[in-house]
Amino acid sequence: MEYAEWIPERVAQLRLGKGVSARDMSLSLGQSESYINKIENHRALPSMMGFLYICEYFGITPREFFDTGTAAPEKMGELVQAARKLTPSQADHVLQIIRDITE
């Protein structure tokens, strides 16, 4: 995987999924208003701390950031948290709904 190409695309995908502008995201991260724009346009890559703050902003772990098999990792985290509270019977019902939707 070519990370220098892929990371900007992933940031853009997650940002658009969250429905926030690059400027607003940059300012929310405490950066200049062009910070995310520079990342998404392949003019810069975030530092390690910047990357961790980006993950925190999206409410995902670094592992979830790199998990390309999950279209909406921030929603997946919410689903997992909610699923932990279900009884076994409730979990069976939710699982059946998911199967019905995805098949």
PDB file of N, CA and C in Angstrom:
ATOM      1  N   MET A   1       0.847  -1.177   0.000  1.00  0.00           N
ATOM      2  CA  MET A   1       0.000   0.000   0.000  1.00  0.00           C
ATOM      3  C   MET A   1       0.889   1.236   0.000  1.00  0.00           C
ATOM      4  N   GLU A   2       0.565   2.175  -0.822  1.00  0.00           N
ATOM      5  CA  GLU A   2       1.287   3.443  -0.891  1.00  0.00           C
ATOM      6  C   GLU A   2       0.624   4.436   0.063  1.00  0.00           C
ATOM      7  N   TYR A   3       1.138   4.487   1.299  1.00  0.00           N
ATOM      8  CA  TYR A   3       0.505   5.274   2.353  1.00  0.00           C
ATOM      9  C   TYR A   3       0.457   6.770   2.048  1.00  0.00           C
ATOM     10  N   ALA A   4       1.483   7.295   1.394  1.00  0.00           N
ATOM     11  CA  ALA A   4       1.506   8.726   1.084  1.00  0.00           C
ATOM     12  C   ALA A   4       0.351   9.111   0.165  1.00  0.00           C
ATOM     13  N   GLU A   5      -0.108   8.179  -0.627  1.00  0.00           N
ATOM     14  CA  GLU A   5      -1.260   8.418  -1.507  1.00  0.00           C
ATOM     15  C   GLU A   5      -2.563   8.074  -0.800  1.00  0.00           C
ATOM     16  N   TRP A   6      -2.547   7.005  -0.016  1.00  0.00           N
ATOM     17  CA  TRP A   6      -3.765   6.476   0.575  1.00  0.00           C
ATOM     18  C   TRP A   6      -4.268   7.288   1.767  1.00  0.00           C
ATOM     19  N   ILE A   7      -3.377   7.739   2.635  1.00  0.00           N
ATOM     20  CA  ILE A   7      -3.781   8.465   3.843  1.00  0.00           C
ATOM     21  C   ILE A   7      -4.608   9.712   3.514  1.00  0.00           C
ATOM     22  N   PRO A   8      -4.183  10.552   2.570  1.00  0.00           N
ATOM     23  CA  PRO A   8      -5.017  11.716   2.241  1.00  0.00           C
ATOM     24  C   PRO A   8      -6.420  11.331   1.762  1.00  0.00           C
ATOM     25  N   GLU A   9      -6.496  10.251   0.986  1.00  0.00           N
ATOM     26  CA  GLU A   9      -7.801   9.802   0.496  1.00  0.00           C
ATOM     27  C   GLU A   9      -8.680   9.317   1.642  1.00  0.00           C
ATOM     28  N   ARG A  10      -8.092   8.625   2.592  1.00  0.00           N
ATOM     29  CA  ARG A  10      -8.849   8.111   3.737  1.00  0.00           C
ATOM     30  C   ARG A  10      -9.339   9.259   4.616  1.00  0.00           C
ATOM     31  N   VAL A  11      -8.495  10.261   4.835  1.00  0.00           N
ATOM     32  CA  VAL A  11      -8.909  11.418   5.621  1.00  0.00           C
ATOM     33  C   VAL A  11     -10.108  12.090   4.937  1.00  0.00           C
ATOM     34  N   ALA A  12     -10.019  12.269   3.625  1.00  0.00           N
ATOM     35  CA  ALA A  12     -11.120  12.906   2.893  1.00  0.00           C
ATOM     36  C   ALA A  12     -12.390  12.072   2.984  1.00  0.00           C
ATOM     37  N   GLN A  13     -12.266  10.765   2.829  1.00  0.00           N
ATOM     38  CA  GLN A  13     -13.431   9.877   2.907  1.00  0.00           C
ATOM     39  C   GLN A  13     -14.109   9.994   4.265  1.00  0.00           C
ATOM     40  N   LEU A  14     -13.335   9.936   5.317  1.00  0.00           N
ATOM     41  CA  LEU A  14     -13.896  10.010   6.664  1.00  0.00           C
ATOM     42  C   LEU A  14     -14.487  11.394   6.948  1.00  0.00           C
ATOM     43  N   ARG A  15     -13.817  12.416   6.477  1.00  0.00           N
ATOM     44  CA  ARG A  15     -14.303  13.785   6.694  1.00  0.00           C
ATOM     45  C   ARG A  15     -15.635  14.005   5.978  1.00  0.00           C
ATOM     46  N   LEU A  16     -15.705  13.573   4.738  1.00  0.00           N
ATOM     47  CA  LEU A  16     -16.953  13.719   3.979  1.00  0.00           C
ATOM     48  C   LEU A  16     -18.068  12.896   4.607  1.00  0.00           C
ATOM     49  N   GLY A  17     -17.708  11.724   5.119  1.00  0.00           N
ATOM     50  CA  GLY A  17     -18.703  10.887   5.798  1.00  0.00           C
ATOM     51  C   GLY A  17     -19.244  11.551   7.050  1.00  0.00           C
ATOM     52  N   LYS A  18     -18.425  12.371   7.671  1.00  0.00           N
ATOM     53  CA  LYS A  18     -18.838  13.093   8.874  1.00  0.00           C
ATOM     54  C   LYS A  18     -19.602  14.366   8.511  1.00  0.00           C
ATOM     55  N   GLY A  19     -19.494  14.763   7.246  1.00  0.00           N
ATOM     56  CA  GLY A  19     -20.214  15.942   6.781  1.00  0.00           C
ATOM     57  C   GLY A  19     -19.653  17.257   7.295  1.00  0.00           C
ATOM     58  N   VAL A  20     -18.340  17.331   7.390  1.00  0.00           N
ATOM     59  CA  VAL A  20     -17.694  18.537   7.904  1.00  0.00           C
ATOM     60  C   VAL A  20     -16.726  19.076   6.853  1.00  0.00           C
ATOM     61  N   SER A  21     -16.539  20.381   6.839  1.00  0.00           N
ATOM     62  CA  SER A  21     -15.608  20.973   5.876  1.00  0.00           C
ATOM     63  C   SER A  21     -14.173  20.765   6.340  1.00  0.00           C
ATOM     64  N   ALA A  22     -13.248  20.830   5.390  1.00  0.00           N
ATOM     65  CA  ALA A  22     -11.826  20.700   5.719  1.00  0.00           C
ATOM     66  C   ALA A  22     -11.405  21.836   6.653  1.00  0.00           C
ATOM     67  N   ARG A  23     -11.929  23.017   6.430  1.00  0.00           N
ATOM     68  CA  ARG A  23     -11.599  24.172   7.269  1.00  0.00           C
ATOM     69  C   ARG A  23     -12.076  23.940   8.703  1.00  0.00           C
ATOM     70  N   ASP A  24     -13.326  23.533   8.867  1.00  0.00           N
ATOM     71  CA  ASP A  24     -13.859  23.307  10.207  1.00  0.00           C
ATOM     72  C   ASP A  24     -13.099  22.209  10.935  1.00  0.00           C
ATOM     73  N   MET A  25     -12.756  21.147  10.208  1.00  0.00           N
ATOM     74  CA  MET A  25     -12.014  20.059  10.836  1.00  0.00           C
ATOM     75  C   MET A  25     -10.638  20.557  11.278  1.00  0.00           C
ATOM     76  N   SER A  26      -9.978  21.323  10.414  1.00  0.00           N
ATOM     77  CA  SER A  26      -8.654  21.864  10.744  1.00  0.00           C
ATOM     78  C   SER A  26      -8.710  22.691  12.020  1.00  0.00           C
ATOM     79  N   LEU A  27      -9.684  23.578  12.085  1.00  0.00           N
ATOM     80  CA  LEU A  27      -9.804  24.455  13.247  1.00  0.00           C
ATOM     81  C   LEU A  27     -10.168  23.661  14.499  1.00  0.00           C
ATOM     82  N   SER A  28     -10.989  22.622  14.346  1.00  0.00           N
ATOM     83  CA  SER A  28     -11.341  21.773  15.487  1.00  0.00           C
ATOM     84  C   SER A  28     -10.125  21.039  16.034  1.00  0.00           C
ATOM     85  N   LEU A  29      -9.173  20.770  15.171  1.00  0.00           N
ATOM     86  CA  LEU A  29      -7.941  20.101  15.590  1.00  0.00           C
ATOM     87  C   LEU A  29      -6.914  21.079  16.148  1.00  0.00           C
ATOM     88  N   GLY A  30      -7.261  22.368  16.152  1.00  0.00           N
ATOM     89  CA  GLY A  30      -6.336  23.379  16.661  1.00  0.00           C
ATOM     90  C   GLY A  30      -5.240  23.727  15.684  1.00  0.00           C
ATOM     91  N   GLN A  31      -5.505  23.507  14.405  1.00  0.00           N
ATOM     92  CA  GLN A  31      -4.516  23.762  13.362  1.00  0.00           C
ATOM     93  C   GLN A  31      -4.941  24.962  12.517  1.00  0.00           C
ATOM     94  N   SER A  32      -4.090  25.337  11.581  1.00  0.00           N
ATOM     95  CA  SER A  32      -4.448  26.413  10.648  1.00  0.00           C
ATOM     96  C   SER A  32      -5.624  25.943   9.800  1.00  0.00           C
ATOM     97  N   GLU A  33      -6.361  26.884   9.246  1.00  0.00           N
ATOM     98  CA  GLU A  33      -7.567  26.514   8.498  1.00  0.00           C
ATOM     99  C   GLU A  33      -7.279  25.699   7.238  1.00  0.00           C
ATOM    100  N   SER A  34      -6.031  25.667   6.787  1.00  0.00           N
ATOM    101  CA  SER A  34      -5.694  24.912   5.580  1.00  0.00           C
ATOM    102  C   SER A  34      -5.040  23.555   5.868  1.00  0.00           C
ATOM    103  N   TYR A  35      -4.925  23.174   7.132  1.00  0.00           N
ATOM    104  CA  TYR A  35      -4.223  21.945   7.533  1.00  0.00           C
ATOM    105  C   TYR A  35      -4.761  20.703   6.819  1.00  0.00           C
ATOM    106  N   ILE A  36      -6.046  20.459   6.920  1.00  0.00           N
ATOM    107  CA  ILE A  36      -6.636  19.257   6.310  1.00  0.00           C
ATOM    108  C   ILE A  36      -6.609  19.364   4.793  1.00  0.00           C
ATOM    109  N   ASN A  37      -6.824  20.549   4.275  1.00  0.00           N
ATOM    110  CA  ASN A  37      -6.763  20.746   2.830  1.00  0.00           C
ATOM    111  C   ASN A  37      -5.391  20.353   2.295  1.00  0.00           C
ATOM    112  N   LYS A  38      -4.342  20.721   2.998  1.00  0.00           N
ATOM    113  CA  LYS A  38      -2.976  20.373   2.572  1.00  0.00           C
ATOM    114  C   LYS A  38      -2.771  18.856   2.608  1.00  0.00           C
ATOM    115  N   ILE A  39      -3.324  18.189   3.622  1.00  0.00           N
ATOM    116  CA  ILE A  39      -3.212  16.731   3.695  1.00  0.00           C
ATOM    117  C   ILE A  39      -3.967  16.090   2.549  1.00  0.00           C
ATOM    118  N   GLU A  40      -5.212  16.497   2.352  1.00  0.00           N
ATOM    119  CA  GLU A  40      -6.054  15.880   1.321  1.00  0.00           C
ATOM    120  C   GLU A  40      -5.543  16.144  -0.095  1.00  0.00           C
ATOM    121  N   ASN A  41      -4.825  17.250  -0.283  1.00  0.00           N
ATOM    122  CA  ASN A  41      -4.285  17.572  -1.601  1.00  0.00           C
ATOM    123  C   ASN A  41      -2.836  17.128  -1.773  1.00  0.00           C
ATOM    124  N   HIS A  42      -2.405  16.209  -0.899  1.00  0.00           N
ATOM    125  CA  HIS A  42      -1.087  15.562  -1.007  1.00  0.00           C
ATOM    126  C   HIS A  42       0.082  16.537  -0.901  1.00  0.00           C
ATOM    127  N   ARG A  43      -0.130  17.645  -0.207  1.00  0.00           N
ATOM    128  CA  ARG A  43       0.971  18.603  -0.017  1.00  0.00           C
ATOM    129  C   ARG A  43       1.651  18.404   1.329  1.00  0.00           C
ATOM    130  N   ALA A  44       1.019  17.619   2.214  1.00  0.00           N
ATOM    131  CA  ALA A  44       1.599  17.361   3.531  1.00  0.00           C
ATOM    132  C   ALA A  44       0.997  16.078   4.087  1.00  0.00           C
ATOM    133  N   LEU A  45       1.706  15.474   4.996  1.00  0.00           N
ATOM    134  CA  LEU A  45       1.171  14.344   5.760  1.00  0.00           C
ATOM    135  C   LEU A  45       1.166  14.753   7.225  1.00  0.00           C
ATOM    136  N   PRO A  46       0.217  14.247   7.996  1.00  0.00           N
ATOM    137  CA  PRO A  46       0.203  14.607   9.415  1.00  0.00           C
ATOM    138  C   PRO A  46       1.370  13.954  10.144  1.00  0.00           C
ATOM    139  N   SER A  47       1.819  14.612  11.203  1.00  0.00           N
ATOM    140  CA  SER A  47       2.803  13.995  12.080  1.00  0.00           C
ATOM    141  C   SER A  47       2.113  12.839  12.795  1.00  0.00           C
ATOM    142  N   MET A  48       2.858  12.066  13.548  1.00  0.00           N
ATOM    143  CA  MET A  48       2.253  10.968  14.303  1.00  0.00           C
ATOM    144  C   MET A  48       1.202  11.510  15.273  1.00  0.00           C
ATOM    145  N   MET A  49       1.528  12.579  15.991  1.00  0.00           N
ATOM    146  CA  MET A  49       0.549  13.165  16.913  1.00  0.00           C
ATOM    147  C   MET A  49      -0.640  13.721  16.137  1.00  0.00           C
ATOM    148  N   GLY A  50      -0.368  14.340  15.000  1.00  0.00           N
ATOM    149  CA  GLY A  50      -1.457  14.850  14.164  1.00  0.00           C
ATOM    150  C   GLY A  50      -2.367  13.728  13.717  1.00  0.00           C
ATOM    151  N   PHE A  51      -1.780  12.605  13.338  1.00  0.00           N
ATOM    152  CA  PHE A  51      -2.564  11.439  12.930  1.00  0.00           C
ATOM    153  C   PHE A  51      -3.439  10.942  14.075  1.00  0.00           C
ATOM    154  N   LEU A  52      -2.866  10.876  15.274  1.00  0.00           N
ATOM    155  CA  LEU A  52      -3.636  10.420  16.436  1.00  0.00           C
ATOM    156  C   LEU A  52      -4.782  11.377  16.751  1.00  0.00           C
ATOM    157  N   TYR A  53      -4.543  12.675  16.600  1.00  0.00           N
ATOM    158  CA  TYR A  53      -5.613  13.644  16.820  1.00  0.00           C
ATOM    159  C   TYR A  53      -6.702  13.522  15.752  1.00  0.00           C
ATOM    160  N   ILE A  54      -6.304  13.217  14.536  1.00  0.00           N
ATOM    161  CA  ILE A  54      -7.285  13.007  13.465  1.00  0.00           C
ATOM    162  C   ILE A  54      -8.156  11.800  13.799  1.00  0.00           C
ATOM    163  N   CYS A  55      -7.534  10.718  14.243  1.00  0.00           N
ATOM    164  CA  CYS A  55      -8.313   9.536  14.644  1.00  0.00           C
ATOM    165  C   CYS A  55      -9.267   9.878  15.783  1.00  0.00           C
ATOM    166  N   GLU A  56      -8.767  10.609  16.765  1.00  0.00           N
ATOM    167  CA  GLU A  56      -9.606  11.009  17.897  1.00  0.00           C
ATOM    168  C   GLU A  56     -10.776  11.876  17.415  1.00  0.00           C
ATOM    169  N   TYR A  57     -10.509  12.757  16.483  1.00  0.00           N
ATOM    170  CA  TYR A  57     -11.557  13.626  15.932  1.00  0.00           C
ATOM    171  C   TYR A  57     -12.683  12.788  15.324  1.00  0.00           C
ATOM    172  N   PHE A  58     -12.315  11.727  14.617  1.00  0.00           N
ATOM    173  CA  PHE A  58     -13.312  10.856  13.992  1.00  0.00           C
ATOM    174  C   PHE A  58     -13.903   9.849  14.965  1.00  0.00           C
ATOM    175  N   GLY A  59     -13.333   9.752  16.156  1.00  0.00           N
ATOM    176  CA  GLY A  59     -13.830   8.792  17.138  1.00  0.00           C
ATOM    177  C   GLY A  59     -13.488   7.360  16.782  1.00  0.00           C
ATOM    178  N   ILE A  60     -12.308   7.190  16.155  1.00  0.00           N
ATOM    179  CA  ILE A  60     -11.865   5.861  15.748  1.00  0.00           C
ATOM    180  C   ILE A  60     -10.451   5.612  16.251  1.00  0.00           C
ATOM    181  N   THR A  61     -10.057   4.351  16.249  1.00  0.00           N
ATOM    182  CA  THR A  61      -8.692   3.988  16.616  1.00  0.00           C
ATOM    183  C   THR A  61      -7.822   4.018  15.358  1.00  0.00           C
ATOM    184  N   PRO A  62      -6.499   4.077  15.521  1.00  0.00           N
ATOM    185  CA  PRO A  62      -5.639   3.973  14.334  1.00  0.00           C
ATOM    186  C   PRO A  62      -5.909   2.686  13.542  1.00  0.00           C
ATOM    187  N   ARG A  63      -6.197   1.605  14.240  1.00  0.00           N
ATOM    188  CA  ARG A  63      -6.514   0.353  13.546  1.00  0.00           C
ATOM    189  C   ARG A  63      -7.746   0.523  12.658  1.00  0.00           C
ATOM    190  N   GLU A  64      -8.766   1.191  13.182  1.00  0.00           N
ATOM    191  CA  GLU A  64      -9.977   1.414  12.396  1.00  0.00           C
ATOM    192  C   GLU A  64      -9.709   2.347  11.218  1.00  0.00           C
ATOM    193  N   PHE A  65      -8.791   3.289  11.391  1.00  0.00           N
ATOM    194  CA  PHE A  65      -8.426   4.184  10.297  1.00  0.00           C
ATOM    195  C   PHE A  65      -7.908   3.377   9.108  1.00  0.00           C
ATOM    196  N   PHE A  66      -7.084   2.370   9.396  1.00  0.00           N
ATOM    197  CA  PHE A  66      -6.479   1.577   8.327  1.00  0.00           C
ATOM    198  C   PHE A  66      -7.334   0.389   7.885  1.00  0.00           C
ATOM    199  N   ASP A  67      -8.474   0.193   8.519  1.00  0.00           N
ATOM    200  CA  ASP A  67      -9.374  -0.902   8.163  1.00  0.00           C
ATOM    201  C   ASP A  67     -10.225  -0.489   6.969  1.00  0.00           C
ATOM    202  N   THR A  68      -9.766  -0.824   5.786  1.00  0.00           N
ATOM    203  CA  THR A  68     -10.482  -0.435   4.569  1.00  0.00           C
ATOM    204  C   THR A  68     -11.721  -1.284   4.331  1.00  0.00           C
ATOM    205  N   GLY A  69     -11.870  -2.358   5.071  1.00  0.00           N
ATOM    206  CA  GLY A  69     -13.044  -3.214   4.915  1.00  0.00           C
ATOM    207  C   GLY A  69     -14.275  -2.669   5.623  1.00  0.00           C
ATOM    208  N   THR A  70     -14.100  -1.611   6.393  1.00  0.00           N
ATOM    209  CA  THR A  70     -15.211  -1.010   7.107  1.00  0.00           C
ATOM    210  C   THR A  70     -15.477   0.362   6.514  1.00  0.00           C
ATOM    211  N   ALA A  71     -16.635   0.506   5.879  1.00  0.00           N
ATOM    212  CA  ALA A  71     -16.957   1.757   5.194  1.00  0.00           C
ATOM    213  C   ALA A  71     -17.124   2.929   6.151  1.00  0.00           C
ATOM    214  N   ALA A  72     -17.697   2.684   7.320  1.00  0.00           N
ATOM    215  CA  ALA A  72     -17.954   3.761   8.288  1.00  0.00           C
ATOM    216  C   ALA A  72     -17.428   3.343   9.661  1.00  0.00           C
ATOM    217  N   PRO A  73     -16.107   3.425   9.868  1.00  0.00           N
ATOM    218  CA  PRO A  73     -15.543   2.929  11.126  1.00  0.00           C
ATOM    219  C   PRO A  73     -16.077   3.634  12.361  1.00  0.00           C
ATOM    220  N   GLU A  74     -16.421   4.918  12.238  1.00  0.00           N
ATOM    221  CA  GLU A  74     -16.950   5.621  13.407  1.00  0.00           C
ATOM    222  C   GLU A  74     -18.302   5.059  13.819  1.00  0.00           C
ATOM    223  N   LYS A  75     -19.110   4.640  12.848  1.00  0.00           N
ATOM    224  CA  LYS A  75     -20.406   4.021  13.143  1.00  0.00           C
ATOM    225  C   LYS A  75     -20.214   2.615  13.695  1.00  0.00           C
ATOM    226  N   MET A  76     -19.210   1.922  13.201  1.00  0.00           N
ATOM    227  CA  MET A  76     -18.933   0.570  13.683  1.00  0.00           C
ATOM    228  C   MET A  76     -18.611   0.597  15.170  1.00  0.00           C
ATOM    229  N   GLY A  77     -17.835   1.584  15.591  1.00  0.00           N
ATOM    230  CA  GLY A  77     -17.511   1.713  17.005  1.00  0.00           C
ATOM    231  C   GLY A  77     -18.758   1.937  17.846  1.00  0.00           C
ATOM    232  N   GLU A  78     -19.666   2.757  17.347  1.00  0.00           N
ATOM    233  CA  GLU A  78     -20.929   3.000  18.051  1.00  0.00           C
ATOM    234  C   GLU A  78     -21.750   1.720  18.131  1.00  0.00           C
ATOM    235  N   LEU A  79     -21.793   0.979  17.034  1.00  0.00           N
ATOM    236  CA  LEU A  79     -22.542  -0.276  17.016  1.00  0.00           C
ATOM    237  C   LEU A  79     -21.986  -1.270  18.032  1.00  0.00           C
ATOM    238  N   VAL A  80     -20.682  -1.379  18.079  1.00  0.00           N
ATOM    239  CA  VAL A  80     -20.054  -2.318  19.012  1.00  0.00           C
ATOM    240  C   VAL A  80     -20.355  -1.921  20.451  1.00  0.00           C
ATOM    241  N   GLN A  81     -20.261  -0.625  20.750  1.00  0.00           N
ATOM    242  CA  GLN A  81     -20.563  -0.164  22.110  1.00  0.00           C
ATOM    243  C   GLN A  81     -22.007  -0.487  22.482  1.00  0.00           C
ATOM    244  N   ALA A  82     -22.938  -0.246  21.563  1.00  0.00           N
ATOM    245  CA  ALA A  82     -24.349  -0.530  21.827  1.00  0.00           C
ATOM    246  C   ALA A  82     -24.585  -2.035  21.950  1.00  0.00           C
ATOM    247  N   ALA A  83     -23.916  -2.819  21.108  1.00  0.00           N
ATOM    248  CA  ALA A  83     -24.107  -4.276  21.115  1.00  0.00           C
ATOM    249  C   ALA A  83     -23.640  -4.900  22.428  1.00  0.00           C
ATOM    250  N   ARG A  84     -22.664  -4.304  23.074  1.00  0.00           N
ATOM    251  CA  ARG A  84     -22.164  -4.841  24.341  1.00  0.00           C
ATOM    252  C   ARG A  84     -23.227  -4.816  25.440  1.00  0.00           C
ATOM    253  N   LYS A  85     -24.229  -3.977  25.274  1.00  0.00           N
ATOM    254  CA  LYS A  85     -25.281  -3.836  26.280  1.00  0.00           C
ATOM    255  C   LYS A  85     -26.470  -4.768  26.039  1.00  0.00           C
ATOM    256  N   LEU A  86     -26.465  -5.475  24.916  1.00  0.00           N
ATOM    257  CA  LEU A  86     -27.596  -6.330  24.560  1.00  0.00           C
ATOM    258  C   LEU A  86     -27.573  -7.659  25.304  1.00  0.00           C
ATOM    259  N   THR A  87     -28.760  -8.165  25.547  1.00  0.00           N
ATOM    260  CA  THR A  87     -28.872  -9.532  26.066  1.00  0.00           C
ATOM    261  C   THR A  87     -28.604 -10.473  24.903  1.00  0.00           C
ATOM    262  N   PRO A  88     -28.329 -11.742  25.164  1.00  0.00           N
ATOM    263  CA  PRO A  88     -28.117 -12.686  24.065  1.00  0.00           C
ATOM    264  C   PRO A  88     -29.310 -12.734  23.092  1.00  0.00           C
ATOM    265  N   SER A  89     -30.503 -12.681  23.607  1.00  0.00           N
ATOM    266  CA  SER A  89     -31.694 -12.710  22.758  1.00  0.00           C
ATOM    267  C   SER A  89     -31.773 -11.454  21.882  1.00  0.00           C
ATOM    268  N   GLN A  90     -31.498 -10.304  22.469  1.00  0.00           N
ATOM    269  CA  GLN A  90     -31.504  -9.061  21.702  1.00  0.00           C
ATOM    270  C   GLN A  90     -30.423  -9.080  20.626  1.00  0.00           C
ATOM    271  N   ALA A  91     -29.258  -9.610  20.979  1.00  0.00           N
ATOM    272  CA  ALA A  91     -28.163  -9.697  20.017  1.00  0.00           C
ATOM    273  C   ALA A  91     -28.553 -10.573  18.831  1.00  0.00           C
ATOM    274  N   ASP A  92     -29.273 -11.664  19.087  1.00  0.00           N
ATOM    275  CA  ASP A  92     -29.749 -12.525  18.001  1.00  0.00           C
ATOM    276  C   ASP A  92     -30.673 -11.755  17.063  1.00  0.00           C
ATOM    277  N   HIS A  93     -31.561 -10.956  17.631  1.00  0.00           N
ATOM    278  CA  HIS A  93     -32.488 -10.165  16.810  1.00  0.00           C
ATOM    279  C   HIS A  93     -31.742  -9.147  15.944  1.00  0.00           C
ATOM    280  N   VAL A  94     -30.801  -8.448  16.557  1.00  0.00           N
ATOM    281  CA  VAL A  94     -30.034  -7.444  15.823  1.00  0.00           C
ATOM    282  C   VAL A  94     -29.214  -8.112  14.720  1.00  0.00           C
ATOM    283  N   LEU A  95     -28.614  -9.235  15.036  1.00  0.00           N
ATOM    284  CA  LEU A  95     -27.841  -9.969  14.036  1.00  0.00           C
ATOM    285  C   LEU A  95     -28.707 -10.377  12.854  1.00  0.00           C
ATOM    286  N   GLN A  96     -29.928 -10.816  13.127  1.00  0.00           N
ATOM    287  CA  GLN A  96     -30.827 -11.214  12.050  1.00  0.00           C
ATOM    288  C   GLN A  96     -31.197 -10.012  11.181  1.00  0.00           C
ATOM    289  N   ILE A  97     -31.416  -8.870  11.802  1.00  0.00           N
ATOM    290  CA  ILE A  97     -31.711  -7.653  11.035  1.00  0.00           C
ATOM    291  C   ILE A  97     -30.536  -7.306  10.128  1.00  0.00           C
ATOM    292  N   ILE A  98     -29.336  -7.374  10.661  1.00  0.00           N
ATOM    293  CA  ILE A  98     -28.144  -7.075   9.863  1.00  0.00           C
ATOM    294  C   ILE A  98     -28.019  -8.043   8.701  1.00  0.00           C
ATOM    295  N   ARG A  99     -28.233  -9.310   8.964  1.00  0.00           N
ATOM    296  CA  ARG A  99     -28.174 -10.299   7.886  1.00  0.00           C
ATOM    297  C   ARG A  99     -29.226 -10.022   6.817  1.00  0.00           C
ATOM    298  N   ASP A 100     -30.433  -9.654   7.243  1.00  0.00           N
ATOM    299  CA  ASP A 100     -31.497  -9.352   6.283  1.00  0.00           C
ATOM    300  C   ASP A 100     -31.148  -8.151   5.418  1.00  0.00           C
ATOM    301  N   ILE A 101     -30.517  -7.162   6.002  1.00  0.00           N
ATOM    302  CA  ILE A 101     -30.153  -5.956   5.270  1.00  0.00           C
ATOM    303  C   ILE A 101     -29.007  -6.196   4.305  1.00  0.00           C
ATOM    304  N   THR A 102     -28.033  -6.988   4.710  1.00  0.00           N
ATOM    305  CA  THR A 102     -26.811  -7.143   3.911  1.00  0.00           C
ATOM    306  C   THR A 102     -26.843  -8.292   2.917  1.00  0.00           C
ATOM    307  N   GLU A 103     -27.848  -9.119   2.993  1.00  0.00           N
ATOM    308  CA  GLU A 103     -27.880 -10.261   2.060  1.00  0.00           C
ATOM    309  C   GLU A 103     -28.779  -9.985   0.898  1.00  0.00           C
TER     310      GLU A 103
END
